[in-house]
Amino acid sequence: MSQREKRREKRLDEENKVVLRLISDKGGQDEVYYAFSEDISPGGIKVITDTPFSVKTRFEVEMPLPKEKRIIRGVAEVRWVKSRPEGEIYEMGLEFVELDQQNKIHLLEHVYRKIMSS
């Protein structure tokens, strides 16, 4: 079964800036990283970054939806990491593990509105 067939939700190919705040067990100051989404779904985001992280690493995620003037905020966990052939660039699959109802609704509306209009 291919990766695409395993997906439960529709995915939208869309590039957005993504802010990742590392959630640390140590409770220290937040480390902030920046990435770009490559595709998004109501359940998660595939991001492109120059810093790879281990599977199960958790982040507070902020992803603006510029045309809708909204910011999606939630907690996501790294599910997989791949390096790209060009080197020093990585893809990471992030799954939302905490996303409040309002953010979930905004993300669903955004993804399905764009998919239906294309």
N, C-alpha and C. Protein backbone atom coordinates (compact mmCIF):
# COMPACT_ATOMS: atom_id res chain seq x y z
N MET A 1 0.85 -1.18 0.00
CA MET A 1 0.00 0.00 0.00
C MET A 1 0.89 1.24 0.00
N SER A 2 0.64 2.17 -0.92
CA SER A 2 1.46 3.37 -1.03
C SER A 2 1.14 4.35 0.10
N GLN A 3 2.05 5.30 0.29
CA GLN A 3 1.86 6.32 1.32
C GLN A 3 0.56 7.09 1.07
N ARG A 4 0.29 7.41 -0.18
CA ARG A 4 -0.91 8.16 -0.52
C ARG A 4 -2.18 7.39 -0.16
N GLU A 5 -2.16 6.07 -0.34
CA GLU A 5 -3.33 5.25 -0.04
C GLU A 5 -3.58 5.15 1.46
N LYS A 6 -2.56 5.32 2.28
CA LYS A 6 -2.70 5.24 3.73
C LYS A 6 -3.34 6.48 4.32
N ARG A 7 -3.32 7.57 3.58
CA ARG A 7 -3.82 8.84 4.11
C ARG A 7 -5.32 8.79 4.31
N ARG A 8 -5.75 9.31 5.45
CA ARG A 8 -7.18 9.33 5.78
C ARG A 8 -7.85 10.60 5.29
N GLU A 9 -7.07 11.66 5.06
CA GLU A 9 -7.65 12.96 4.76
C GLU A 9 -7.09 13.53 3.47
N LYS A 10 -7.86 14.41 2.86
CA LYS A 10 -7.42 15.13 1.66
C LYS A 10 -6.25 16.03 2.03
N ARG A 11 -5.32 16.17 1.08
CA ARG A 11 -4.17 17.03 1.28
C ARG A 11 -4.21 18.15 0.26
N LEU A 12 -3.75 19.32 0.69
CA LEU A 12 -3.72 20.49 -0.15
C LEU A 12 -2.26 20.88 -0.34
N ASP A 13 -1.80 20.91 -1.60
CA ASP A 13 -0.44 21.38 -1.88
C ASP A 13 -0.44 22.89 -1.73
N GLU A 14 0.24 23.36 -0.69
CA GLU A 14 0.24 24.79 -0.43
C GLU A 14 1.46 25.15 0.39
N GLU A 15 2.12 26.25 -0.01
CA GLU A 15 3.29 26.71 0.73
C GLU A 15 2.88 27.86 1.66
N ASN A 16 3.12 27.66 2.93
CA ASN A 16 2.89 28.68 3.95
C ASN A 16 4.11 28.70 4.87
N LYS A 17 4.38 29.85 5.44
CA LYS A 17 5.42 29.92 6.47
C LYS A 17 4.89 29.19 7.71
N VAL A 18 5.76 28.45 8.37
CA VAL A 18 5.38 27.73 9.58
C VAL A 18 6.41 28.04 10.67
N VAL A 19 5.92 28.40 11.84
CA VAL A 19 6.78 28.65 13.00
C VAL A 19 6.65 27.43 13.91
N LEU A 20 7.79 26.84 14.27
CA LEU A 20 7.84 25.66 15.13
C LEU A 20 8.54 26.02 16.43
N ARG A 21 7.83 25.93 17.55
CA ARG A 21 8.44 26.16 18.87
C ARG A 21 8.62 24.81 19.53
N LEU A 22 9.87 24.44 19.73
CA LEU A 22 10.19 23.15 20.32
C LEU A 22 9.65 23.06 21.74
N ILE A 23 8.92 21.99 22.01
CA ILE A 23 8.42 21.74 23.36
C ILE A 23 9.47 20.89 24.06
N SER A 24 10.07 21.44 25.09
CA SER A 24 11.16 20.79 25.79
C SER A 24 10.69 20.22 27.12
N ASP A 25 11.18 19.04 27.45
CA ASP A 25 10.90 18.45 28.76
C ASP A 25 11.58 19.24 29.88
N LYS A 26 12.64 19.95 29.50
CA LYS A 26 13.44 20.66 30.49
C LYS A 26 12.80 21.97 30.94
N GLY A 27 11.78 22.43 30.21
CA GLY A 27 11.08 23.65 30.59
C GLY A 27 11.89 24.91 30.41
N GLY A 28 12.93 24.86 29.59
CA GLY A 28 13.75 26.04 29.35
C GLY A 28 13.09 26.98 28.36
N GLN A 29 13.87 27.92 27.85
CA GLN A 29 13.37 28.89 26.89
C GLN A 29 13.04 28.19 25.58
N ASP A 30 11.96 28.64 24.94
CA ASP A 30 11.53 28.05 23.68
C ASP A 30 12.59 28.23 22.60
N GLU A 31 12.87 27.15 21.89
CA GLU A 31 13.70 27.24 20.70
C GLU A 31 12.75 27.35 19.53
N VAL A 32 12.98 28.33 18.66
CA VAL A 32 12.08 28.58 17.55
C VAL A 32 12.78 28.23 16.24
N TYR A 33 12.05 27.53 15.38
CA TYR A 33 12.54 27.14 14.06
C TYR A 33 11.51 27.56 13.03
N TYR A 34 11.98 27.75 11.81
CA TYR A 34 11.09 28.17 10.74
C TYR A 34 11.12 27.15 9.62
N ALA A 35 9.97 26.95 9.01
CA ALA A 35 9.84 25.98 7.93
C ALA A 35 8.79 26.49 6.95
N PHE A 36 8.60 25.75 5.87
CA PHE A 36 7.53 26.03 4.92
C PHE A 36 6.70 24.77 4.77
N SER A 37 5.39 24.95 4.72
CA SER A 37 4.54 23.79 4.45
C SER A 37 4.67 23.43 2.98
N GLU A 38 4.60 22.15 2.69
CA GLU A 38 4.57 21.69 1.31
C GLU A 38 3.17 21.19 0.99
N ASP A 39 2.57 20.55 1.98
CA ASP A 39 1.15 20.23 1.87
C ASP A 39 0.55 20.19 3.27
N ILE A 40 -0.75 20.44 3.30
CA ILE A 40 -1.44 20.49 4.59
C ILE A 40 -2.73 19.68 4.49
N SER A 41 -3.17 19.20 5.64
CA SER A 41 -4.44 18.50 5.74
C SER A 41 -5.01 18.84 7.12
N PRO A 42 -6.25 18.49 7.36
CA PRO A 42 -6.80 18.74 8.69
C PRO A 42 -6.06 17.99 9.80
N GLY A 43 -5.31 16.95 9.45
CA GLY A 43 -4.61 16.17 10.46
C GLY A 43 -3.14 16.48 10.63
N GLY A 44 -2.56 17.23 9.69
CA GLY A 44 -1.14 17.50 9.81
C GLY A 44 -0.57 18.30 8.65
N ILE A 45 0.75 18.43 8.68
CA ILE A 45 1.47 19.26 7.70
C ILE A 45 2.74 18.53 7.30
N LYS A 46 3.08 18.59 6.01
CA LYS A 46 4.41 18.19 5.58
C LYS A 46 5.20 19.48 5.43
N VAL A 47 6.32 19.60 6.15
CA VAL A 47 7.12 20.82 6.12
C VAL A 47 8.48 20.55 5.52
N ILE A 48 9.07 21.63 4.99
CA ILE A 48 10.43 21.62 4.47
C ILE A 48 11.25 22.48 5.43
N THR A 49 12.37 21.95 5.89
CA THR A 49 13.18 22.64 6.89
C THR A 49 14.66 22.34 6.67
N ASP A 50 15.51 23.15 7.28
CA ASP A 50 16.95 22.87 7.20
C ASP A 50 17.46 22.18 8.47
N THR A 51 16.56 21.90 9.40
CA THR A 51 16.92 21.23 10.65
C THR A 51 16.06 19.99 10.84
N PRO A 52 16.66 18.80 10.81
CA PRO A 52 15.87 17.59 11.04
C PRO A 52 15.67 17.36 12.53
N PHE A 53 14.54 16.78 12.88
CA PHE A 53 14.26 16.44 14.27
C PHE A 53 13.88 14.97 14.35
N SER A 54 14.00 14.41 15.53
CA SER A 54 13.67 13.00 15.74
C SER A 54 12.17 12.79 15.73
N VAL A 55 11.78 11.60 15.31
CA VAL A 55 10.39 11.19 15.39
C VAL A 55 9.94 11.33 16.84
N LYS A 56 8.72 11.77 17.05
CA LYS A 56 8.07 12.02 18.34
C LYS A 56 8.43 13.36 18.97
N THR A 57 9.31 14.16 18.32
CA THR A 57 9.57 15.51 18.80
C THR A 57 8.28 16.31 18.68
N ARG A 58 7.97 17.11 19.68
CA ARG A 58 6.74 17.92 19.68
C ARG A 58 7.05 19.40 19.55
N PHE A 59 6.16 20.07 18.81
CA PHE A 59 6.27 21.50 18.58
C PHE A 59 4.93 22.17 18.80
N GLU A 60 4.98 23.41 19.28
CA GLU A 60 3.82 24.30 19.15
C GLU A 60 3.96 24.87 17.75
N VAL A 61 2.91 24.76 16.96
CA VAL A 61 2.94 25.16 15.56
C VAL A 61 2.07 26.39 15.34
N GLU A 62 2.59 27.33 14.57
CA GLU A 62 1.81 28.48 14.10
C GLU A 62 1.94 28.53 12.59
N MET A 63 0.79 28.50 11.91
CA MET A 63 0.80 28.55 10.45
C MET A 63 -0.25 29.56 9.99
N PRO A 64 0.21 30.71 9.48
CA PRO A 64 -0.74 31.70 8.97
C PRO A 64 -1.43 31.20 7.70
N LEU A 65 -2.70 31.52 7.58
CA LEU A 65 -3.45 31.32 6.34
C LEU A 65 -3.71 32.74 5.82
N PRO A 66 -2.74 33.29 5.06
CA PRO A 66 -2.75 34.72 4.73
C PRO A 66 -4.04 35.22 4.07
N LYS A 67 -4.58 34.49 3.11
CA LYS A 67 -5.77 34.98 2.41
C LYS A 67 -6.98 35.02 3.32
N GLU A 68 -6.96 34.21 4.37
CA GLU A 68 -8.09 34.19 5.31
C GLU A 68 -7.81 35.02 6.56
N LYS A 69 -6.61 35.55 6.64
CA LYS A 69 -6.21 36.38 7.79
C LYS A 69 -6.42 35.64 9.11
N ARG A 70 -5.99 34.38 9.12
CA ARG A 70 -6.09 33.54 10.32
C ARG A 70 -4.74 32.87 10.55
N ILE A 71 -4.50 32.50 11.79
CA ILE A 71 -3.31 31.73 12.14
C ILE A 71 -3.79 30.44 12.80
N ILE A 72 -3.36 29.32 12.25
CA ILE A 72 -3.67 28.02 12.85
C ILE A 72 -2.62 27.76 13.92
N ARG A 73 -3.08 27.44 15.13
CA ARG A 73 -2.17 27.15 16.25
C ARG A 73 -2.55 25.81 16.84
N GLY A 74 -1.53 25.00 17.12
CA GLY A 74 -1.75 23.71 17.75
C GLY A 74 -0.44 23.07 18.12
N VAL A 75 -0.51 21.85 18.60
CA VAL A 75 0.69 21.07 18.93
C VAL A 75 0.76 19.92 17.94
N ALA A 76 1.95 19.74 17.38
CA ALA A 76 2.15 18.67 16.40
C ALA A 76 3.38 17.85 16.78
N GLU A 77 3.37 16.61 16.34
CA GLU A 77 4.46 15.67 16.63
C GLU A 77 5.05 15.16 15.33
N VAL A 78 6.37 15.06 15.28
CA VAL A 78 7.06 14.54 14.09
C VAL A 78 6.75 13.06 13.95
N ARG A 79 6.26 12.67 12.78
CA ARG A 79 5.95 11.26 12.49
C ARG A 79 6.99 10.62 11.60
N TRP A 80 7.62 11.41 10.72
CA TRP A 80 8.67 10.88 9.84
C TRP A 80 9.55 12.03 9.37
N VAL A 81 10.78 11.68 8.97
CA VAL A 81 11.76 12.65 8.47
C VAL A 81 12.48 12.02 7.28
N LYS A 82 12.68 12.80 6.22
CA LYS A 82 13.44 12.36 5.04
C LYS A 82 14.37 13.47 4.61
N SER A 83 15.57 13.10 4.17
CA SER A 83 16.45 14.13 3.61
C SER A 83 16.19 14.21 2.11
N ARG A 84 16.35 15.39 1.56
CA ARG A 84 16.17 15.60 0.13
C ARG A 84 17.50 15.43 -0.57
N PRO A 85 17.47 15.03 -1.84
CA PRO A 85 18.73 14.79 -2.57
C PRO A 85 19.64 16.01 -2.64
N GLU A 86 19.08 17.22 -2.62
CA GLU A 86 19.93 18.41 -2.71
C GLU A 86 20.74 18.65 -1.44
N GLY A 87 20.51 17.87 -0.39
CA GLY A 87 21.30 17.94 0.83
C GLY A 87 20.95 19.14 1.70
N GLU A 88 21.11 18.96 3.01
CA GLU A 88 20.86 20.02 3.99
C GLU A 88 19.42 20.52 4.00
N ILE A 89 18.53 19.83 3.29
CA ILE A 89 17.11 20.16 3.29
C ILE A 89 16.36 18.89 3.67
N TYR A 90 15.35 19.03 4.51
CA TYR A 90 14.63 17.87 5.02
C TYR A 90 13.12 18.07 4.89
N GLU A 91 12.42 16.97 4.72
CA GLU A 91 10.97 16.94 4.79
C GLU A 91 10.61 16.29 6.11
N MET A 92 9.59 16.82 6.77
CA MET A 92 9.10 16.21 8.00
C MET A 92 7.58 16.16 7.95
N GLY A 93 7.04 15.03 8.34
CA GLY A 93 5.60 14.89 8.48
C GLY A 93 5.21 15.18 9.91
N LEU A 94 4.38 16.20 10.12
CA LEU A 94 3.92 16.58 11.45
C LEU A 94 2.45 16.24 11.58
N GLU A 95 2.08 15.55 12.64
CA GLU A 95 0.68 15.23 12.90
C GLU A 95 0.20 16.09 14.06
N PHE A 96 -0.96 16.72 13.88
CA PHE A 96 -1.52 17.49 14.98
C PHE A 96 -1.97 16.54 16.08
N VAL A 97 -1.48 16.78 17.29
CA VAL A 97 -1.89 15.97 18.44
C VAL A 97 -2.75 16.79 19.40
N GLU A 98 -2.70 18.11 19.27
CA GLU A 98 -3.57 19.01 20.02
C GLU A 98 -3.95 20.15 19.09
N LEU A 99 -5.24 20.23 18.78
CA LEU A 99 -5.75 21.28 17.92
C LEU A 99 -7.16 21.57 18.40
N ASP A 100 -7.37 22.77 18.93
CA ASP A 100 -8.70 23.06 19.48
C ASP A 100 -9.74 23.08 18.36
N GLN A 101 -10.98 23.02 18.77
CA GLN A 101 -12.10 22.89 17.82
C GLN A 101 -12.13 24.02 16.79
N GLN A 102 -11.90 25.25 17.24
CA GLN A 102 -11.94 26.40 16.33
C GLN A 102 -10.85 26.31 15.26
N ASN A 103 -9.62 25.97 15.67
CA ASN A 103 -8.53 25.83 14.71
C ASN A 103 -8.79 24.67 13.75
N LYS A 104 -9.34 23.58 14.27
CA LYS A 104 -9.66 22.43 13.43
C LYS A 104 -10.69 22.82 12.36
N ILE A 105 -11.70 23.56 12.75
CA ILE A 105 -12.73 24.00 11.80
C ILE A 105 -12.13 24.92 10.74
N HIS A 106 -11.31 25.89 11.15
CA HIS A 106 -10.68 26.80 10.19
C HIS A 106 -9.80 26.02 9.19
N LEU A 107 -9.06 25.06 9.69
CA LEU A 107 -8.18 24.27 8.82
C LEU A 107 -9.01 23.41 7.86
N LEU A 108 -10.04 22.75 8.36
CA LEU A 108 -10.93 21.97 7.49
C LEU A 108 -11.53 22.83 6.39
N GLU A 109 -12.09 23.97 6.78
CA GLU A 109 -12.69 24.87 5.80
C GLU A 109 -11.67 25.31 4.75
N HIS A 110 -10.49 25.67 5.18
CA HIS A 110 -9.44 26.13 4.27
C HIS A 110 -9.07 25.04 3.27
N VAL A 111 -8.79 23.85 3.77
CA VAL A 111 -8.36 22.75 2.89
C VAL A 111 -9.46 22.39 1.90
N TYR A 112 -10.66 22.18 2.37
CA TYR A 112 -11.72 21.73 1.48
C TYR A 112 -12.18 22.83 0.53
N ARG A 113 -12.17 24.08 0.95
CA ARG A 113 -12.52 25.18 0.05
C ARG A 113 -11.53 25.24 -1.11
N LYS A 114 -10.24 25.12 -0.81
CA LYS A 114 -9.23 25.18 -1.86
C LYS A 114 -9.30 23.96 -2.78
N ILE A 115 -9.51 22.78 -2.21
CA ILE A 115 -9.59 21.56 -3.02
C ILE A 115 -10.80 21.64 -3.96
N MET A 116 -11.92 22.11 -3.45
CA MET A 116 -13.14 22.16 -4.25
C MET A 116 -13.05 23.21 -5.36
N SER A 117 -12.27 24.28 -5.14
CA SER A 117 -12.16 25.33 -6.14
C SER A 117 -11.09 25.05 -7.20
N SER A 118 -10.30 24.01 -7.00
CA SER A 118 -9.24 23.73 -7.99
C SER A 118 -9.68 22.73 -9.02
